[in-house]
Amino acid sequence: MSNAPSASDALVISSNDALHRFEARKNGELAGYVEYNVLSEALLFTHTEVLPAFEGQGVGSALAKHVLGAARAQGKQVIPVCQFIAGYIRKHREYVELVRPDVQRAFKI
């Protein structure tokens, strides 16, 4: 018997432009989100939240990877006011170039 997650268990991440956040849903239920503000040349990430029922399941990391990929795809810089996003960038150096050097210094990246 396989313990692999079924397709219905997959995390679905989408942008909720009205609420200025990316949302992760599992089985249709909100699992977590990253709030953002759109600036002319950057996405400013202000807060990441994983709902208690979904903690420890990789939701926060999946969200961070997704939002940083979205910024890259849009050609935007990143301002990681949210300490979770800043910490993710510190651990995943492939995203460092999304953060201007002066912003890197400000957030110790």
Protein backbone atom coordinates (compact mmCIF):
# COMPACT_ATOMS: atom_id res chain seq x y z
CA MET A 1 0.00 0.00 0.00
CA SER A 2 1.44 3.36 -1.04
CA ASN A 3 1.72 6.30 1.33
CA ALA A 4 2.25 8.71 -1.55
CA PRO A 5 -0.15 11.64 -1.55
CA SER A 6 -2.95 11.39 -4.05
CA ALA A 7 -3.62 14.13 -6.58
CA SER A 8 -6.49 15.30 -4.39
CA ASP A 9 -3.98 15.91 -1.55
CA ALA A 10 -1.90 18.22 -3.74
CA LEU A 11 -1.31 21.76 -2.63
CA VAL A 12 -2.79 24.31 -5.04
CA ILE A 13 -1.30 27.81 -4.90
CA SER A 14 -2.95 30.78 -6.55
CA SER A 15 -2.92 34.55 -6.32
CA ASN A 16 -5.88 36.26 -4.68
CA ASP A 17 -5.36 39.74 -6.12
CA ALA A 18 -8.32 41.23 -4.23
CA LEU A 19 -6.73 40.33 -0.88
CA HIS A 20 -3.14 40.92 -2.07
CA ARG A 21 -2.00 37.45 -1.17
CA PHE A 22 -0.97 34.12 -2.58
CA GLU A 23 -3.06 31.31 -1.10
CA ALA A 24 -2.25 27.63 -0.68
CA ARG A 25 -5.20 25.26 -0.57
CA LYS A 26 -5.23 21.57 0.22
CA ASN A 27 -8.37 19.65 -0.65
CA GLY A 28 -10.01 23.03 -1.27
CA GLU A 29 -9.29 24.22 2.28
CA LEU A 30 -7.12 27.28 2.92
CA ALA A 31 -3.80 25.97 4.30
CA GLY A 32 -1.72 29.15 4.27
CA TYR A 33 -0.96 32.41 2.54
CA VAL A 34 1.67 35.04 1.81
CA GLU A 35 0.53 38.67 1.84
CA TYR A 36 2.15 41.09 -0.58
CA ASN A 37 2.09 44.60 -1.96
CA VAL A 38 2.86 45.30 -5.60
CA LEU A 39 5.35 48.09 -6.18
CA SER A 40 6.47 49.40 -9.56
CA GLU A 41 9.60 47.22 -9.67
CA ALA A 42 9.15 44.84 -6.75
CA LEU A 43 6.89 42.57 -4.78
CA LEU A 44 6.98 43.42 -1.09
CA PHE A 45 6.18 40.32 0.97
CA THR A 46 4.79 41.35 4.34
CA HIS A 47 3.50 38.22 6.09
CA THR A 48 3.36 34.44 5.73
CA GLU A 49 0.81 32.40 7.66
CA VAL A 50 0.30 28.63 7.77
CA LEU A 51 -2.93 27.60 9.45
CA PRO A 52 -2.38 25.35 12.49
CA ALA A 53 -3.96 22.24 10.94
CA PHE A 54 -1.37 22.38 8.13
CA GLU A 55 1.80 23.18 10.08
CA GLY A 56 4.76 20.87 9.51
CA GLN A 57 3.53 19.78 6.07
CA GLY A 58 5.78 21.99 3.94
CA VAL A 59 3.08 24.54 3.17
CA GLY A 60 5.23 27.55 4.10
CA SER A 61 8.17 26.37 2.00
CA ALA A 62 5.92 25.60 -0.96
CA LEU A 63 4.42 29.07 -0.70
CA ALA A 64 7.85 30.73 -0.46
CA LYS A 65 9.14 28.84 -3.50
CA HIS A 66 6.01 29.73 -5.46
CA VAL A 67 5.97 33.45 -4.63
CA LEU A 68 9.67 33.85 -5.37
CA GLY A 69 9.19 32.04 -8.66
CA ALA A 70 6.26 34.33 -9.46
CA ALA A 71 8.40 37.41 -8.75
CA ARG A 72 11.12 36.03 -11.03
CA ALA A 73 8.60 35.27 -13.79
CA GLN A 74 7.25 38.85 -13.56
CA GLY A 75 10.76 40.33 -13.66
CA LYS A 76 10.21 41.89 -10.22
CA GLN A 77 12.64 42.42 -7.37
CA VAL A 78 11.70 41.11 -3.93
CA ILE A 79 11.53 43.02 -0.65
CA PRO A 80 11.25 40.33 2.05
CA VAL A 81 9.79 42.26 5.00
CA CYS A 82 8.32 38.92 6.11
CA GLN A 83 11.00 37.12 8.12
CA PHE A 84 9.87 33.72 6.83
CA ILE A 85 10.48 34.76 3.21
CA ALA A 86 13.80 36.40 4.16
CA GLY A 87 14.84 33.20 5.94
CA TYR A 88 13.84 31.07 2.95
CA ILE A 89 16.02 33.21 0.68
CA ARG A 90 18.95 32.86 3.13
CA LYS A 91 18.64 29.06 2.88
CA HIS A 92 17.91 28.95 -0.87
CA ARG A 93 20.60 31.10 -2.41
CA GLU A 94 19.21 30.66 -5.94
CA TYR A 95 16.76 33.47 -5.08
CA VAL A 96 19.31 36.00 -3.78
CA GLU A 97 19.52 37.83 -7.10
CA LEU A 98 15.86 38.80 -6.73
CA VAL A 99 16.82 41.04 -3.80
CA ARG A 100 18.76 44.25 -4.47
CA PRO A 101 22.10 44.46 -2.63
CA ASP A 102 20.93 47.33 -0.39
CA VAL A 103 17.81 45.35 0.53
CA GLN A 104 19.96 42.26 1.15
CA ARG A 105 21.96 44.24 3.70
CA ALA A 106 18.82 45.61 5.35
CA PHE A 107 17.35 42.13 5.82
CA LYS A 108 20.69 40.33 6.44
CA ILE A 109 20.44 38.13 3.37
